[in-house]
C-alpha cells in the first residue's frame, strides 16, 4: 500500500469518525452532558466532516490523469 492509499484511508476514517459523532449528537443530544450547546457542537462536527471531505477531493485531484 502506498502513501496515497494510506492517506485516503486516514481521511475516510476521519470523515466516518466525525459523522458518527454528529449522528450521535443529533439522535441522542441528552446523552452528552458536557456539551451544553449541542447545535454548536454538531456544527463543529459538520465543519470537520467538510474539512476532511475537501482534503479527500484535493488528494483525488492530484491523481495523474490517463
PDB file of N, CA and C in Angstrom:
ATOM      1  N   UNK A   1       0.856  -1.176   0.000  1.00  0.00           N
ATOM      2  CA  UNK A   1       0.000   0.000   0.000  1.00  0.00           C
ATOM      3  C   UNK A   1       0.900   1.237   0.000  1.00  0.00           C
ATOM      4  N   UNK A   2       0.592   2.194  -0.850  1.00  0.00           N
ATOM      5  CA  UNK A   2       1.441   3.373  -0.942  1.00  0.00           C
ATOM      6  C   UNK A   2       0.922   4.522  -0.064  1.00  0.00           C
ATOM      7  N   UNK A   3       1.675   5.590  -0.033  1.00  0.00           N
ATOM      8  CA  UNK A   3       1.336   6.743   0.811  1.00  0.00           C
ATOM      9  C   UNK A   3      -0.034   7.306   0.442  1.00  0.00           C
ATOM     10  N   UNK A   4      -0.327   7.436  -0.836  1.00  0.00           N
ATOM     11  CA  UNK A   4      -1.614   7.988  -1.276  1.00  0.00           C
ATOM     12  C   UNK A   4      -2.781   7.147  -0.743  1.00  0.00           C
ATOM     13  N   UNK A   5      -2.660   5.833  -0.837  1.00  0.00           N
ATOM     14  CA  UNK A   5      -3.732   4.952  -0.347  1.00  0.00           C
ATOM     15  C   UNK A   5      -3.900   5.058   1.160  1.00  0.00           C
ATOM     16  N   UNK A   6      -2.803   5.135   1.876  1.00  0.00           N
ATOM     17  CA  UNK A   6      -2.868   5.261   3.337  1.00  0.00           C
ATOM     18  C   UNK A   6      -3.479   6.603   3.734  1.00  0.00           C
ATOM     19  N   UNK A   7      -3.117   7.660   3.029  1.00  0.00           N
ATOM     20  CA  UNK A   7      -3.679   8.972   3.312  1.00  0.00           C
ATOM     21  C   UNK A   7      -5.174   8.987   3.024  1.00  0.00           C
ATOM     22  N   UNK A   8      -5.583   8.358   1.934  1.00  0.00           N
ATOM     23  CA  UNK A   8      -7.002   8.268   1.605  1.00  0.00           C
ATOM     24  C   UNK A   8      -7.764   7.504   2.693  1.00  0.00           C
ATOM     25  N   UNK A   9      -7.187   6.388   3.156  1.00  0.00           N
ATOM     26  CA  UNK A   9      -7.816   5.623   4.235  1.00  0.00           C
ATOM     27  C   UNK A   9      -7.951   6.473   5.501  1.00  0.00           C
ATOM     28  N   UNK A  10      -6.914   7.233   5.824  1.00  0.00           N
ATOM     29  CA  UNK A  10      -6.941   8.098   7.004  1.00  0.00           C
ATOM     30  C   UNK A  10      -8.058   9.133   6.884  1.00  0.00           C
ATOM     31  N   UNK A  11      -8.140   9.797   5.733  1.00  0.00           N
ATOM     32  CA  UNK A  11      -9.156  10.830   5.532  1.00  0.00           C
ATOM     33  C   UNK A  11     -10.561  10.240   5.612  1.00  0.00           C
ATOM     34  N   UNK A  12     -10.771   9.098   5.010  1.00  0.00           N
ATOM     35  CA  UNK A  12     -12.080   8.431   5.066  1.00  0.00           C
ATOM     36  C   UNK A  12     -12.411   8.060   6.511  1.00  0.00           C
ATOM     37  N   UNK A  13     -11.422   7.594   7.257  1.00  0.00           N
ATOM     38  CA  UNK A  13     -11.631   7.262   8.658  1.00  0.00           C
ATOM     39  C   UNK A  13     -12.023   8.472   9.490  1.00  0.00           C
ATOM     40  N   UNK A  14     -11.381   9.605   9.229  1.00  0.00           N
ATOM     41  CA  UNK A  14     -11.713  10.833   9.947  1.00  0.00           C
ATOM     42  C   UNK A  14     -13.130  11.292   9.614  1.00  0.00           C
ATOM     43  N   UNK A  15     -13.504  11.191   8.350  1.00  0.00           N
ATOM     44  CA  UNK A  15     -14.872  11.545   7.947  1.00  0.00           C
ATOM     45  C   UNK A  15     -15.862  10.671   8.694  1.00  0.00           C
ATOM     46  N   UNK A  16     -15.613   9.373   8.716  1.00  0.00           N
ATOM     47  CA  UNK A  16     -16.518   8.438   9.401  1.00  0.00           C
ATOM     48  C   UNK A  16     -16.625   8.750  10.886  1.00  0.00           C
ATOM     49  N   UNK A  17     -15.492   9.040  11.511  1.00  0.00           N
ATOM     50  CA  UNK A  17     -15.488   9.345  12.945  1.00  0.00           C
ATOM     51  C   UNK A  17     -16.363  10.557  13.250  1.00  0.00           C
ATOM     52  N   UNK A  18     -16.221  11.613  12.474  1.00  0.00           N
ATOM     53  CA  UNK A  18     -16.983  12.832  12.731  1.00  0.00           C
ATOM     54  C   UNK A  18     -18.451  12.673  12.329  1.00  0.00           C
ATOM     55  N   UNK A  19     -18.731  11.833  11.333  1.00  0.00           N
ATOM     56  CA  UNK A  19     -20.125  11.529  11.000  1.00  0.00           C
ATOM     57  C   UNK A  19     -20.809  10.807  12.154  1.00  0.00           C
ATOM     58  N   UNK A  20     -20.118   9.846  12.748  1.00  0.00           N
ATOM     59  CA  UNK A  20     -20.678   9.120  13.887  1.00  0.00           C
ATOM     60  C   UNK A  20     -20.938  10.077  15.046  1.00  0.00           C
ATOM     61  N   UNK A  21     -19.985  10.968  15.314  1.00  0.00           N
ATOM     62  CA  UNK A  21     -20.172  11.947  16.382  1.00  0.00           C
ATOM     63  C   UNK A  21     -21.402  12.808  16.129  1.00  0.00           C
ATOM     64  N   UNK A  22     -21.530  13.327  14.907  1.00  0.00           N
ATOM     65  CA  UNK A  22     -22.668  14.190  14.577  1.00  0.00           C
ATOM     66  C   UNK A  22     -23.983  13.421  14.674  1.00  0.00           C
ATOM     67  N   UNK A  23     -24.008  12.206  14.135  1.00  0.00           N
ATOM     68  CA  UNK A  23     -25.227  11.395  14.189  1.00  0.00           C
ATOM     69  C   UNK A  23     -25.617  11.086  15.633  1.00  0.00           C
ATOM     70  N   UNK A  24     -24.649  10.795  16.475  1.00  0.00           N
ATOM     71  CA  UNK A  24     -24.919  10.504  17.880  1.00  0.00           C
ATOM     72  C   UNK A  24     -25.522  11.723  18.565  1.00  0.00           C
ATOM     73  N   UNK A  25     -24.943  12.882  18.319  1.00  0.00           N
ATOM     74  CA  UNK A  25     -25.451  14.109  18.929  1.00  0.00           C
ATOM     75  C   UNK A  25     -26.855  14.448  18.431  1.00  0.00           C
ATOM     76  N   UNK A  26     -27.104  14.221  17.159  1.00  0.00           N
ATOM     77  CA  UNK A  26     -28.427  14.516  16.596  1.00  0.00           C
ATOM     78  C   UNK A  26     -29.477  13.560  17.156  1.00  0.00           C
ATOM     79  N   UNK A  27     -29.127  12.284  17.244  1.00  0.00           N
ATOM     80  CA  UNK A  27     -30.088  11.266  17.658  1.00  0.00           C
ATOM     81  C   UNK A  27     -30.244  11.148  19.168  1.00  0.00           C
ATOM     82  N   UNK A  28     -29.263  11.630  19.934  1.00  0.00           N
ATOM     83  CA  UNK A  28     -29.319  11.485  21.389  1.00  0.00           C
ATOM     84  C   UNK A  28     -28.650  12.678  22.071  1.00  0.00           C
ATOM     85  N   UNK A  29     -29.157  13.884  21.878  1.00  0.00           N
ATOM     86  CA  UNK A  29     -28.492  15.076  22.432  1.00  0.00           C
ATOM     87  C   UNK A  29     -28.458  15.100  23.948  1.00  0.00           C
ATOM     88  N   UNK A  30     -29.389  14.465  24.616  1.00  0.00           N
ATOM     89  CA  UNK A  30     -29.417  14.465  26.080  1.00  0.00           C
ATOM     90  C   UNK A  30     -28.314  13.589  26.661  1.00  0.00           C
ATOM     91  N   UNK A  31     -27.745  12.717  25.860  1.00  0.00           N
ATOM     92  CA  UNK A  31     -26.731  11.797  26.342  1.00  0.00           C
ATOM     93  C   UNK A  31     -25.341  12.388  26.453  1.00  0.00           C
ATOM     94  N   UNK A  32     -25.175  13.651  26.116  1.00  0.00           N
ATOM     95  CA  UNK A  32     -23.850  14.277  26.130  1.00  0.00           C
ATOM     96  C   UNK A  32     -23.901  15.496  27.031  1.00  0.00           C
ATOM     97  N   UNK A  33     -23.725  15.279  28.321  1.00  0.00           N
ATOM     98  CA  UNK A  33     -23.897  16.344  29.308  1.00  0.00           C
ATOM     99  C   UNK A  33     -22.826  17.422  29.234  1.00  0.00           C
ATOM    100  N   UNK A  34     -21.611  17.092  28.806  1.00  0.00           N
ATOM    101  CA  UNK A  34     -20.546  18.086  28.790  1.00  0.00           C
ATOM    102  C   UNK A  34     -20.618  19.034  27.591  1.00  0.00           C
ATOM    103  N   UNK A  35     -21.645  18.896  26.759  1.00  0.00           N
ATOM    104  CA  UNK A  35     -21.835  19.772  25.608  1.00  0.00           C
ATOM    105  C   UNK A  35     -23.141  20.554  25.774  1.00  0.00           C
ATOM    106  N   UNK A  36     -23.063  21.688  26.490  1.00  0.00           N
ATOM    107  CA  UNK A  36     -24.304  22.432  26.733  1.00  0.00           C
ATOM    108  C   UNK A  36     -24.900  23.038  25.466  1.00  0.00           C
ATOM    109  N   UNK A  37     -24.074  23.340  24.475  1.00  0.00           N
ATOM    110  CA  UNK A  37     -24.575  23.906  23.222  1.00  0.00           C
ATOM    111  C   UNK A  37     -24.477  22.834  22.142  1.00  0.00           C
ATOM    112  N   UNK A  38     -25.479  21.980  22.096  1.00  0.00           N
ATOM    113  CA  UNK A  38     -25.486  20.834  21.185  1.00  0.00           C
ATOM    114  C   UNK A  38     -25.388  21.269  19.731  1.00  0.00           C
ATOM    115  N   UNK A  39     -26.125  22.327  19.368  1.00  0.00           N
ATOM    116  CA  UNK A  39     -26.130  22.775  17.971  1.00  0.00           C
ATOM    117  C   UNK A  39     -24.730  23.220  17.552  1.00  0.00           C
ATOM    118  N   UNK A  40     -24.041  23.958  18.407  1.00  0.00           N
ATOM    119  CA  UNK A  40     -22.680  24.394  18.082  1.00  0.00           C
ATOM    120  C   UNK A  40     -21.736  23.200  17.967  1.00  0.00           C
ATOM    121  N   UNK A  41     -21.927  22.218  18.811  1.00  0.00           N
ATOM    122  CA  UNK A  41     -21.088  21.020  18.770  1.00  0.00           C
ATOM    123  C   UNK A  41     -21.333  20.242  17.482  1.00  0.00           C
ATOM    124  N   UNK A  42     -22.597  20.110  17.090  1.00  0.00           N
ATOM    125  CA  UNK A  42     -22.921  19.436  15.831  1.00  0.00           C
ATOM    126  C   UNK A  42     -22.341  20.219  14.660  1.00  0.00           C
ATOM    127  N   UNK A  43     -22.465  21.539  14.709  1.00  0.00           N
ATOM    128  CA  UNK A  43     -21.906  22.378  13.638  1.00  0.00           C
ATOM    129  C   UNK A  43     -20.398  22.194  13.526  1.00  0.00           C
ATOM    130  N   UNK A  44     -19.725  22.081  14.664  1.00  0.00           N
ATOM    131  CA  UNK A  44     -18.279  21.852  14.643  1.00  0.00           C
ATOM    132  C   UNK A  44     -17.949  20.513  13.995  1.00  0.00           C
ATOM    133  N   UNK A  45     -18.732  19.489  14.311  1.00  0.00           N
ATOM    134  CA  UNK A  45     -18.515  18.176  13.694  1.00  0.00           C
ATOM    135  C   UNK A  45     -18.739  18.243  12.182  1.00  0.00           C
ATOM    136  N   UNK A  46     -19.768  18.964  11.758  1.00  0.00           N
ATOM    137  CA  UNK A  46     -20.022  19.127  10.322  1.00  0.00           C
ATOM    138  C   UNK A  46     -18.858  19.838   9.637  1.00  0.00           C
ATOM    139  N   UNK A  47     -18.292  20.816  10.330  1.00  0.00           N
ATOM    140  CA  UNK A  47     -17.123  21.517   9.786  1.00  0.00           C
ATOM    141  C   UNK A  47     -15.945  20.583   9.597  1.00  0.00           C
ATOM    142  N   UNK A  48     -15.749  19.691  10.551  1.00  0.00           N
ATOM    143  CA  UNK A  48     -14.650  18.718  10.436  1.00  0.00           C
ATOM    144  C   UNK A  48     -14.911  17.737   9.291  1.00  0.00           C
ATOM    145  N   UNK A  49     -16.170  17.316   9.140  1.00  0.00           N
ATOM    146  CA  UNK A  49     -16.522  16.434   8.015  1.00  0.00           C
ATOM    147  C   UNK A  49     -16.192  17.124   6.700  1.00  0.00           C
ATOM    148  N   UNK A  50     -16.631  18.366   6.564  1.00  0.00           N
ATOM    149  CA  UNK A  50     -16.385  19.119   5.328  1.00  0.00           C
ATOM    150  C   UNK A  50     -14.882  19.290   5.076  1.00  0.00           C
ATOM    151  N   UNK A  51     -14.132  19.553   6.139  1.00  0.00           N
ATOM    152  CA  UNK A  51     -12.679  19.727   6.004  1.00  0.00           C
ATOM    153  C   UNK A  51     -12.026  18.470   5.445  1.00  0.00           C
ATOM    154  N   UNK A  52     -12.361  17.322   6.018  1.00  0.00           N
ATOM    155  CA  UNK A  52     -11.746  16.079   5.545  1.00  0.00           C
ATOM    156  C   UNK A  52     -12.273  15.666   4.175  1.00  0.00           C
ATOM    157  N   UNK A  53     -13.525  15.971   3.861  1.00  0.00           N
ATOM    158  CA  UNK A  53     -14.043  15.704   2.515  1.00  0.00           C
ATOM    159  C   UNK A  53     -13.306  16.555   1.490  1.00  0.00           C
ATOM    160  N   UNK A  54     -13.059  17.821   1.819  1.00  0.00           N
ATOM    161  CA  UNK A  54     -12.308  18.695   0.914  1.00  0.00           C
ATOM    162  C   UNK A  54     -10.899  18.164   0.689  1.00  0.00           C
ATOM    163  N   UNK A  55     -10.276  17.688   1.749  1.00  0.00           N
ATOM    164  CA  UNK A  55      -8.922  17.133   1.619  1.00  0.00           C
ATOM    165  C   UNK A  55      -8.927  15.881   0.760  1.00  0.00           C
ATOM    166  N   UNK A  56      -9.950  15.053   0.910  1.00  0.00           N
ATOM    167  CA  UNK A  56     -10.060  13.846   0.097  1.00  0.00           C
ATOM    168  C   UNK A  56     -10.227  14.203  -1.373  1.00  0.00           C
ATOM    169  N   UNK A  57     -11.052  15.193  -1.656  1.00  0.00           N
ATOM    170  CA  UNK A  57     -11.229  15.657  -3.037  1.00  0.00           C
ATOM    171  C   UNK A  57      -9.914  16.198  -3.588  1.00  0.00           C
ATOM    172  N   UNK A  58      -9.216  16.988  -2.761  1.00  0.00           N
ATOM    173  CA  UNK A  58      -7.930  17.552  -3.203  1.00  0.00           C
ATOM    174  C   UNK A  58      -6.929  16.448  -3.503  1.00  0.00           C
ATOM    175  N   UNK A  59      -6.893  15.409  -2.674  1.00  0.00           N
ATOM    176  CA  UNK A  59      -5.999  14.287  -2.917  1.00  0.00           C
ATOM    177  C   UNK A  59      -6.332  13.599  -4.230  1.00  0.00           C
ATOM    178  N   UNK A  60      -7.613  13.378  -4.478  1.00  0.00           N
ATOM    179  CA  UNK A  60      -8.016  12.714  -5.719  1.00  0.00           C
ATOM    180  C   UNK A  60      -7.714  13.581  -6.935  1.00  0.00           C
ATOM    181  N   UNK A  61      -7.779  14.922  -6.759  1.00  0.00           N
ATOM    182  CA  UNK A  61      -7.434  15.822  -7.855  1.00  0.00           C
ATOM    183  C   UNK A  61      -5.957  15.755  -8.224  1.00  0.00           C
ATOM    184  N   UNK A  62      -5.139  15.271  -7.295  1.00  0.00           N
ATOM    185  CA  UNK A  62      -3.694  15.142  -7.557  1.00  0.00           C
ATOM    186  C   UNK A  62      -3.348  13.902  -8.362  1.00  0.00           C
ATOM    187  N   UNK A  63      -4.308  12.997  -8.517  1.00  0.00           N
ATOM    188  CA  UNK A  63      -4.052  11.769  -9.250  1.00  0.00           C
ATOM    189  C   UNK A  63      -3.749  12.090 -10.709  1.00  0.00           C
ATOM    190  N   UNK A  64      -2.758  11.445 -11.258  1.00  0.00           N
ATOM    191  CA  UNK A  64      -2.453  11.684 -12.670  1.00  0.00           C
ATOM    192  C   UNK A  64      -3.603  11.226 -13.563  1.00  0.00           C
ATOM    193  N   UNK A  65      -3.918  12.010 -14.558  1.00  0.00           N
ATOM    194  CA  UNK A  65      -4.981  11.627 -15.496  1.00  0.00           C
ATOM    195  C   UNK A  65      -4.412  10.679 -16.534  1.00  0.00           C
ATOM    196  N   UNK A  66      -5.274   9.827 -17.025  1.00  0.00           N
ATOM    197  CA  UNK A  66      -4.785   8.951 -18.064  1.00  0.00           C
ATOM    198  C   UNK A  66      -5.423   7.689 -18.044  1.00  0.00           C
TER     199      UNK A  66
END
